[in-house]
Amino acid sequence: MAMERSNHLQEAVFSASMAEKSIVTIYLLNGVKLIGAITGYDQFTLLLERDGICQQVEKSAIAAVSTSSKIGSDAEL
């Protein structure tokens, strides 16, 4: 149940960020900070675009995702 809830929350954040084309800040486990818009994602990776350059990021390398706006509501999550 916890894993299912986690995936649902992740799906909600990534989907809303894509729909709103909002800029996100992604912090990796090694301390690197990436900034851009999420343009796609699957079970293992996401695509982050900034200044016309697209990066593939492994989800397992992500420590945190920060958005510039409120994503969804408790009712949607």
PDB file of N, CA and C in Angstrom:
ATOM      1  N   MET A   1       0.829  -1.203   0.000  1.00  0.00           N
ATOM      2  CA  MET A   1       0.000   0.000   0.000  1.00  0.00           C
ATOM      3  C   MET A   1       0.867   1.258   0.000  1.00  0.00           C
ATOM      4  N   ALA A   2       1.937   1.273   0.788  1.00  0.00           N
ATOM      5  CA  ALA A   2       2.795   2.458   0.845  1.00  0.00           C
ATOM      6  C   ALA A   2       3.447   2.722  -0.505  1.00  0.00           C
ATOM      7  N   MET A   3       3.882   1.656  -1.197  1.00  0.00           N
ATOM      8  CA  MET A   3       4.507   1.818  -2.508  1.00  0.00           C
ATOM      9  C   MET A   3       3.490   2.333  -3.523  1.00  0.00           C
ATOM     10  N   GLU A   4       2.258   1.802  -3.472  1.00  0.00           N
ATOM     11  CA  GLU A   4       1.213   2.255  -4.372  1.00  0.00           C
ATOM     12  C   GLU A   4       0.902   3.731  -4.135  1.00  0.00           C
ATOM     13  N   ARG A   5       0.811   4.142  -2.896  1.00  0.00           N
ATOM     14  CA  ARG A   5       0.553   5.543  -2.541  1.00  0.00           C
ATOM     15  C   ARG A   5       1.693   6.420  -3.029  1.00  0.00           C
ATOM     16  N   SER A   6       2.934   5.956  -2.865  1.00  0.00           N
ATOM     17  CA  SER A   6       4.105   6.703  -3.295  1.00  0.00           C
ATOM     18  C   SER A   6       4.079   6.931  -4.800  1.00  0.00           C
ATOM     19  N   ASN A   7       3.783   5.889  -5.566  1.00  0.00           N
ATOM     20  CA  ASN A   7       3.722   6.022  -7.019  1.00  0.00           C
ATOM     21  C   ASN A   7       2.592   6.948  -7.438  1.00  0.00           C
ATOM     22  N   HIS A   8       1.474   6.902  -6.733  1.00  0.00           N
ATOM     23  CA  HIS A   8       0.350   7.776  -7.046  1.00  0.00           C
ATOM     24  C   HIS A   8       0.725   9.244  -6.807  1.00  0.00           C
ATOM     25  N   LEU A   9       1.405   9.521  -5.724  1.00  0.00           N
ATOM     26  CA  LEU A   9       1.839  10.878  -5.411  1.00  0.00           C
ATOM     27  C   LEU A   9       2.853  11.364  -6.443  1.00  0.00           C
ATOM     28  N   GLN A  10       3.806  10.492  -6.780  1.00  0.00           N
ATOM     29  CA  GLN A  10       4.805  10.835  -7.787  1.00  0.00           C
ATOM     30  C   GLN A  10       4.131  11.136  -9.125  1.00  0.00           C
ATOM     31  N   GLU A  11       3.186  10.302  -9.516  1.00  0.00           N
ATOM     32  CA  GLU A  11       2.438  10.493 -10.762  1.00  0.00           C
ATOM     33  C   GLU A  11       1.709  11.838 -10.750  1.00  0.00           C
ATOM     34  N   ALA A  12       1.095  12.177  -9.629  1.00  0.00           N
ATOM     35  CA  ALA A  12       0.353  13.437  -9.525  1.00  0.00           C
ATOM     36  C   ALA A  12       1.277  14.642  -9.674  1.00  0.00           C
ATOM     37  N   VAL A  13       2.418  14.605  -9.020  1.00  0.00           N
ATOM     38  CA  VAL A  13       3.357  15.731  -9.088  1.00  0.00           C
ATOM     39  C   VAL A  13       3.931  15.871 -10.491  1.00  0.00           C
ATOM     40  N   PHE A  14       4.388  14.772 -11.085  1.00  0.00           N
ATOM     41  CA  PHE A  14       4.974  14.836 -12.423  1.00  0.00           C
ATOM     42  C   PHE A  14       3.941  15.239 -13.467  1.00  0.00           C
ATOM     43  N   SER A  15       2.737  14.668 -13.393  1.00  0.00           N
ATOM     44  CA  SER A  15       1.682  14.998 -14.361  1.00  0.00           C
ATOM     45  C   SER A  15       1.277  16.463 -14.274  1.00  0.00           C
ATOM     46  N   ALA A  16       1.091  16.955 -13.047  1.00  0.00           N
ATOM     47  CA  ALA A  16       0.696  18.359 -12.871  1.00  0.00           C
ATOM     48  C   ALA A  16       1.796  19.297 -13.349  1.00  0.00           C
ATOM     49  N   SER A  17       3.039  18.962 -13.073  1.00  0.00           N
ATOM     50  CA  SER A  17       4.161  19.797 -13.516  1.00  0.00           C
ATOM     51  C   SER A  17       4.218  19.854 -15.037  1.00  0.00           C
ATOM     52  N   MET A  18       3.989  18.702 -15.668  1.00  0.00           N
ATOM     53  CA  MET A  18       3.979  18.676 -17.138  1.00  0.00           C
ATOM     54  C   MET A  18       2.817  19.487 -17.700  1.00  0.00           C
ATOM     55  N   ALA A  19       1.625  19.296 -17.136  1.00  0.00           N
ATOM     56  CA  ALA A  19       0.432  19.978 -17.634  1.00  0.00           C
ATOM     57  C   ALA A  19       0.555  21.490 -17.504  1.00  0.00           C
ATOM     58  N   GLU A  20       1.121  21.941 -16.382  1.00  0.00           N
ATOM     59  CA  GLU A  20       1.272  23.373 -16.135  1.00  0.00           C
ATOM     60  C   GLU A  20       2.542  23.942 -16.760  1.00  0.00           C
ATOM     61  N   LYS A  21       3.393  23.051 -17.280  1.00  0.00           N
ATOM     62  CA  LYS A  21       4.693  23.442 -17.846  1.00  0.00           C
ATOM     63  C   LYS A  21       5.475  24.280 -16.839  1.00  0.00           C
ATOM     64  N   SER A  22       5.366  23.872 -15.570  1.00  0.00           N
ATOM     65  CA  SER A  22       6.048  24.615 -14.516  1.00  0.00           C
ATOM     66  C   SER A  22       7.508  24.199 -14.412  1.00  0.00           C
ATOM     67  N   ILE A  23       8.298  25.114 -13.910  1.00  0.00           N
ATOM     68  CA  ILE A  23       9.721  24.855 -13.706  1.00  0.00           C
ATOM     69  C   ILE A  23       9.887  24.140 -12.366  1.00  0.00           C
ATOM     70  N   VAL A  24      10.661  23.058 -12.385  1.00  0.00           N
ATOM     71  CA  VAL A  24      10.941  22.308 -11.168  1.00  0.00           C
ATOM     72  C   VAL A  24      12.439  22.323 -10.896  1.00  0.00           C
ATOM     73  N   THR A  25      12.780  22.152  -9.638  1.00  0.00           N
ATOM     74  CA  THR A  25      14.172  21.981  -9.237  1.00  0.00           C
ATOM     75  C   THR A  25      14.294  20.561  -8.717  1.00  0.00           C
ATOM     76  N   ILE A  26      15.226  19.820  -9.290  1.00  0.00           N
ATOM     77  CA  ILE A  26      15.456  18.435  -8.892  1.00  0.00           C
ATOM     78  C   ILE A  26      16.827  18.353  -8.245  1.00  0.00           C
ATOM     79  N   TYR A  27      16.851  17.818  -7.043  1.00  0.00           N
ATOM     80  CA  TYR A  27      18.112  17.608  -6.327  1.00  0.00           C
ATOM     81  C   TYR A  27      18.463  16.132  -6.427  1.00  0.00           C
ATOM     82  N   LEU A  28      19.661  15.842  -6.898  1.00  0.00           N
ATOM     83  CA  LEU A  28      20.107  14.464  -7.016  1.00  0.00           C
ATOM     84  C   LEU A  28      20.801  14.008  -5.742  1.00  0.00           C
ATOM     85  N   LEU A  29      20.919  12.711  -5.582  1.00  0.00           N
ATOM     86  CA  LEU A  29      21.559  12.145  -4.394  1.00  0.00           C
ATOM     87  C   LEU A  29      23.009  12.592  -4.247  1.00  0.00           C
ATOM     88  N   ASN A  30      23.678  12.895  -5.379  1.00  0.00           N
ATOM     89  CA  ASN A  30      25.081  13.321  -5.319  1.00  0.00           C
ATOM     90  C   ASN A  30      25.227  14.827  -5.093  1.00  0.00           C
ATOM     91  N   GLY A  31      24.104  15.537  -4.850  1.00  0.00           N
ATOM     92  CA  GLY A  31      24.154  16.954  -4.549  1.00  0.00           C
ATOM     93  C   GLY A  31      23.947  17.880  -5.737  1.00  0.00           C
ATOM     94  N   VAL A  32      23.905  17.339  -6.942  1.00  0.00           N
ATOM     95  CA  VAL A  32      23.701  18.161  -8.141  1.00  0.00           C
ATOM     96  C   VAL A  32      22.265  18.679  -8.167  1.00  0.00           C
ATOM     97  N   LYS A  33      22.116  19.942  -8.575  1.00  0.00           N
ATOM     98  CA  LYS A  33      20.797  20.573  -8.693  1.00  0.00           C
ATOM     99  C   LYS A  33      20.490  20.767 -10.166  1.00  0.00           C
ATOM    100  N   LEU A  34      19.342  20.268 -10.612  1.00  0.00           N
ATOM    101  CA  LEU A  34      18.893  20.431 -11.991  1.00  0.00           C
ATOM    102  C   LEU A  34      17.618  21.263 -11.996  1.00  0.00           C
ATOM    103  N   ILE A  35      17.519  22.177 -12.947  1.00  0.00           N
ATOM    104  CA  ILE A  35      16.335  23.037 -13.049  1.00  0.00           C
ATOM    105  C   ILE A  35      15.796  22.946 -14.460  1.00  0.00           C
ATOM    106  N   GLY A  36      14.484  22.793 -14.585  1.00  0.00           N
ATOM    107  CA  GLY A  36      13.879  22.731 -15.907  1.00  0.00           C
ATOM    108  C   GLY A  36      12.428  22.313 -15.820  1.00  0.00           C
ATOM    109  N   ALA A  37      11.861  21.993 -16.987  1.00  0.00           N
ATOM    110  CA  ALA A  37      10.469  21.558 -17.076  1.00  0.00           C
ATOM    111  C   ALA A  37      10.442  20.069 -17.392  1.00  0.00           C
ATOM    112  N   ILE A  38       9.597  19.341 -16.701  1.00  0.00           N
ATOM    113  CA  ILE A  38       9.447  17.920 -16.970  1.00  0.00           C
ATOM    114  C   ILE A  38       8.636  17.769 -18.251  1.00  0.00           C
ATOM    115  N   THR A  39       9.213  17.076 -19.236  1.00  0.00           N
ATOM    116  CA  THR A  39       8.537  16.897 -20.514  1.00  0.00           C
ATOM    117  C   THR A  39       8.045  15.472 -20.723  1.00  0.00           C
ATOM    118  N   GLY A  40       8.456  14.566 -19.855  1.00  0.00           N
ATOM    119  CA  GLY A  40       8.000  13.188 -19.954  1.00  0.00           C
ATOM    120  C   GLY A  40       8.594  12.357 -18.833  1.00  0.00           C
ATOM    121  N   TYR A  41       7.986  11.198 -18.588  1.00  0.00           N
ATOM    122  CA  TYR A  41       8.501  10.299 -17.568  1.00  0.00           C
ATOM    123  C   TYR A  41       7.913   8.915 -17.772  1.00  0.00           C
ATOM    124  N   ASP A  42       8.604   7.924 -17.236  1.00  0.00           N
ATOM    125  CA  ASP A  42       8.092   6.565 -17.212  1.00  0.00           C
ATOM    126  C   ASP A  42       8.403   5.966 -15.845  1.00  0.00           C
ATOM    127  N   GLN A  43       8.393   4.657 -15.751  1.00  0.00           N
ATOM    128  CA  GLN A  43       8.596   4.003 -14.461  1.00  0.00           C
ATOM    129  C   GLN A  43       9.980   4.280 -13.873  1.00  0.00           C
ATOM    130  N   PHE A  44      11.008   4.466 -14.718  1.00  0.00           N
ATOM    131  CA  PHE A  44      12.375   4.567 -14.230  1.00  0.00           C
ATOM    132  C   PHE A  44      13.071   5.905 -14.483  1.00  0.00           C
ATOM    133  N   THR A  45      12.600   6.684 -15.434  1.00  0.00           N
ATOM    134  CA  THR A  45      13.291   7.918 -15.797  1.00  0.00           C
ATOM    135  C   THR A  45      12.310   9.065 -15.993  1.00  0.00           C
ATOM    136  N   LEU A  46      12.871  10.282 -16.032  1.00  0.00           N
ATOM    137  CA  LEU A  46      12.084  11.434 -16.462  1.00  0.00           C
ATOM    138  C   LEU A  46      12.939  12.285 -17.377  1.00  0.00           C
ATOM    139  N   LEU A  47      12.271  13.067 -18.205  1.00  0.00           N
ATOM    140  CA  LEU A  47      12.954  13.976 -19.118  1.00  0.00           C
ATOM    141  C   LEU A  47      12.777  15.391 -18.597  1.00  0.00           C
ATOM    142  N   LEU A  48      13.879  16.098 -18.499  1.00  0.00           N
ATOM    143  CA  LEU A  48      13.887  17.462 -17.992  1.00  0.00           C
ATOM    144  C   LEU A  48      14.468  18.362 -19.074  1.00  0.00           C
ATOM    145  N   GLU A  49      13.729  19.403 -19.456  1.00  0.00           N
ATOM    146  CA  GLU A  49      14.169  20.294 -20.528  1.00  0.00           C
ATOM    147  C   GLU A  49      14.432  21.693 -19.998  1.00  0.00           C
ATOM    148  N   ARG A  50      15.553  22.258 -20.453  1.00  0.00           N
ATOM    149  CA  ARG A  50      15.899  23.638 -20.127  1.00  0.00           C
ATOM    150  C   ARG A  50      16.701  24.218 -21.277  1.00  0.00           C
ATOM    151  N   ASP A  51      16.318  25.408 -21.732  1.00  0.00           N
ATOM    152  CA  ASP A  51      17.000  26.101 -22.821  1.00  0.00           C
ATOM    153  C   ASP A  51      17.134  25.223 -24.059  1.00  0.00           C
ATOM    154  N   GLY A  52      16.086  24.441 -24.358  1.00  0.00           N
ATOM    155  CA  GLY A  52      16.077  23.605 -25.545  1.00  0.00           C
ATOM    156  C   GLY A  52      16.890  22.325 -25.441  1.00  0.00           C
ATOM    157  N   ILE A  53      17.498  22.086 -24.289  1.00  0.00           N
ATOM    158  CA  ILE A  53      18.291  20.876 -24.080  1.00  0.00           C
ATOM    159  C   ILE A  53      17.515  19.937 -23.160  1.00  0.00           C
ATOM    160  N   CYS A  54      17.422  18.685 -23.570  1.00  0.00           N
ATOM    161  CA  CYS A  54      16.671  17.699 -22.806  1.00  0.00           C
ATOM    162  C   CYS A  54      17.632  16.730 -22.129  1.00  0.00           C
ATOM    163  N   GLN A  55      17.398  16.485 -20.833  1.00  0.00           N
ATOM    164  CA  GLN A  55      18.210  15.550 -20.060  1.00  0.00           C
ATOM    165  C   GLN A  55      17.336  14.406 -19.584  1.00  0.00           C
ATOM    166  N   GLN A  56      17.873  13.196 -19.647  1.00  0.00           N
ATOM    167  CA  GLN A  56      17.196  12.042 -19.073  1.00  0.00           C
ATOM    168  C   GLN A  56      17.761  11.835 -17.675  1.00  0.00           C
ATOM    169  N   VAL A  57      16.886  11.755 -16.689  1.00  0.00           N
ATOM    170  CA  VAL A  57      17.307  11.615 -15.298  1.00  0.00           C
ATOM    171  C   VAL A  57      16.728  10.315 -14.745  1.00  0.00           C
ATOM    172  N   GLU A  58      17.576   9.498 -14.164  1.00  0.00           N
ATOM    173  CA  GLU A  58      17.118   8.266 -13.523  1.00  0.00           C
ATOM    174  C   GLU A  58      16.399   8.625 -12.221  1.00  0.00           C
ATOM    175  N   LYS A  59      15.187   8.131 -12.042  1.00  0.00           N
ATOM    176  CA  LYS A  59      14.428   8.431 -10.825  1.00  0.00           C
ATOM    177  C   LYS A  59      15.162   7.957  -9.573  1.00  0.00           C
ATOM    178  N   SER A  60      15.916   6.874  -9.694  1.00  0.00           N
ATOM    179  CA  SER A  60      16.629   6.342  -8.527  1.00  0.00           C
ATOM    180  C   SER A  60      17.732   7.276  -8.048  1.00  0.00           C
ATOM    181  N   ALA A  61      18.117   8.258  -8.881  1.00  0.00           N
ATOM    182  CA  ALA A  61      19.157   9.221  -8.511  1.00  0.00           C
ATOM    183  C   ALA A  61      18.575  10.485  -7.886  1.00  0.00           C
ATOM    184  N   ILE A  62      17.248  10.604  -7.857  1.00  0.00           N
ATOM    185  CA  ILE A  62      16.596  11.815  -7.362  1.00  0.00           C
ATOM    186  C   ILE A  62      16.410  11.757  -5.849  1.00  0.00           C
ATOM    187  N   ALA A  63      16.856  12.824  -5.177  1.00  0.00           N
ATOM    188  CA  ALA A  63      16.656  12.947  -3.732  1.00  0.00           C
ATOM    189  C   ALA A  63      15.386  13.732  -3.423  1.00  0.00           C
ATOM    190  N   ALA A  64      15.126  14.813  -4.191  1.00  0.00           N
ATOM    191  CA  ALA A  64      13.963  15.657  -3.930  1.00  0.00           C
ATOM    192  C   ALA A  64      13.566  16.409  -5.189  1.00  0.00           C
ATOM    193  N   VAL A  65      12.275  16.750  -5.264  1.00  0.00           N
ATOM    194  CA  VAL A  65      11.751  17.572  -6.361  1.00  0.00           C
ATOM    195  C   VAL A  65      11.022  18.743  -5.735  1.00  0.00           C
ATOM    196  N   SER A  66      11.375  19.948  -6.172  1.00  0.00           N
ATOM    197  CA  SER A  66      10.748  21.158  -5.659  1.00  0.00           C
ATOM    198  C   SER A  66      10.070  21.886  -6.812  1.00  0.00           C
ATOM    199  N   THR A  67       8.825  22.301  -6.606  1.00  0.00           N
ATOM    200  CA  THR A  67       8.094  23.024  -7.639  1.00  0.00           C
ATOM    201  C   THR A  67       7.919  24.477  -7.227  1.00  0.00           C
ATOM    202  N   SER A  68       7.698  25.318  -8.218  1.00  0.00           N
ATOM    203  CA  SER A  68       7.534  26.741  -7.937  1.00  0.00           C
ATOM    204  C   SER A  68       6.084  27.100  -7.622  1.00  0.00           C
ATOM    205  N   SER A  69       5.178  26.133  -7.797  1.00  0.00           N
ATOM    206  CA  SER A  69       3.765  26.401  -7.509  1.00  0.00           C
ATOM    207  C   SER A  69       3.165  25.203  -6.799  1.00  0.00           C
ATOM    208  N   LYS A  70       1.992  25.428  -6.186  1.00  0.00           N
ATOM    209  CA  LYS A  70       1.295  24.358  -5.499  1.00  0.00           C
ATOM    210  C   LYS A  70       0.776  23.361  -6.527  1.00  0.00           C
ATOM    211  N   ILE A  71       1.001  22.098  -6.249  1.00  0.00           N
ATOM    212  CA  ILE A  71       0.560  21.043  -7.156  1.00  0.00           C
ATOM    213  C   ILE A  71      -0.626  20.321  -6.528  1.00  0.00           C
ATOM    214  N   GLY A  72      -1.772  20.362  -7.186  1.00  0.00           N
ATOM    215  CA  GLY A  72      -2.933  19.602  -6.746  1.00  0.00           C
ATOM    216  C   GLY A  72      -3.444  19.982  -5.375  1.00  0.00           C
ATOM    217  N   SER A  73      -4.302  19.113  -4.868  1.00  0.00           N
ATOM    218  CA  SER A  73      -4.840  19.282  -3.521  1.00  0.00           C
ATOM    219  C   SER A  73      -4.870  17.933  -2.854  1.00  0.00           C
ATOM    220  N   ASP A  74      -5.117  17.899  -1.572  1.00  0.00           N
ATOM    221  CA  ASP A  74      -5.168  16.632  -0.840  1.00  0.00           C
ATOM    222  C   ASP A  74      -6.243  15.703  -1.408  1.00  0.00           C
ATOM    223  N   ALA A  75      -7.315  16.279  -1.921  1.00  0.00           N
ATOM    224  CA  ALA A  75      -8.377  15.465  -2.488  1.00  0.00           C
ATOM    225  C   ALA A  75      -7.914  14.720  -3.720  1.00  0.00           C
ATOM    226  N   GLU A  76      -7.025  15.310  -4.510  1.00  0.00           N
ATOM    227  CA  GLU A  76      -6.529  14.673  -5.728  1.00  0.00           C
ATOM    228  C   GLU A  76      -5.462  13.650  -5.406  1.00  0.00           C
ATOM    229  N   LEU A  77      -4.758  13.812  -4.286  1.00  0.00           N
ATOM    230  CA  LEU A  77      -3.674  12.909  -3.929  1.00  0.00           C
ATOM    231  C   LEU A  77      -4.229  11.786  -3.123  1.00  0.00           C
TER     232      LEU A  77
END
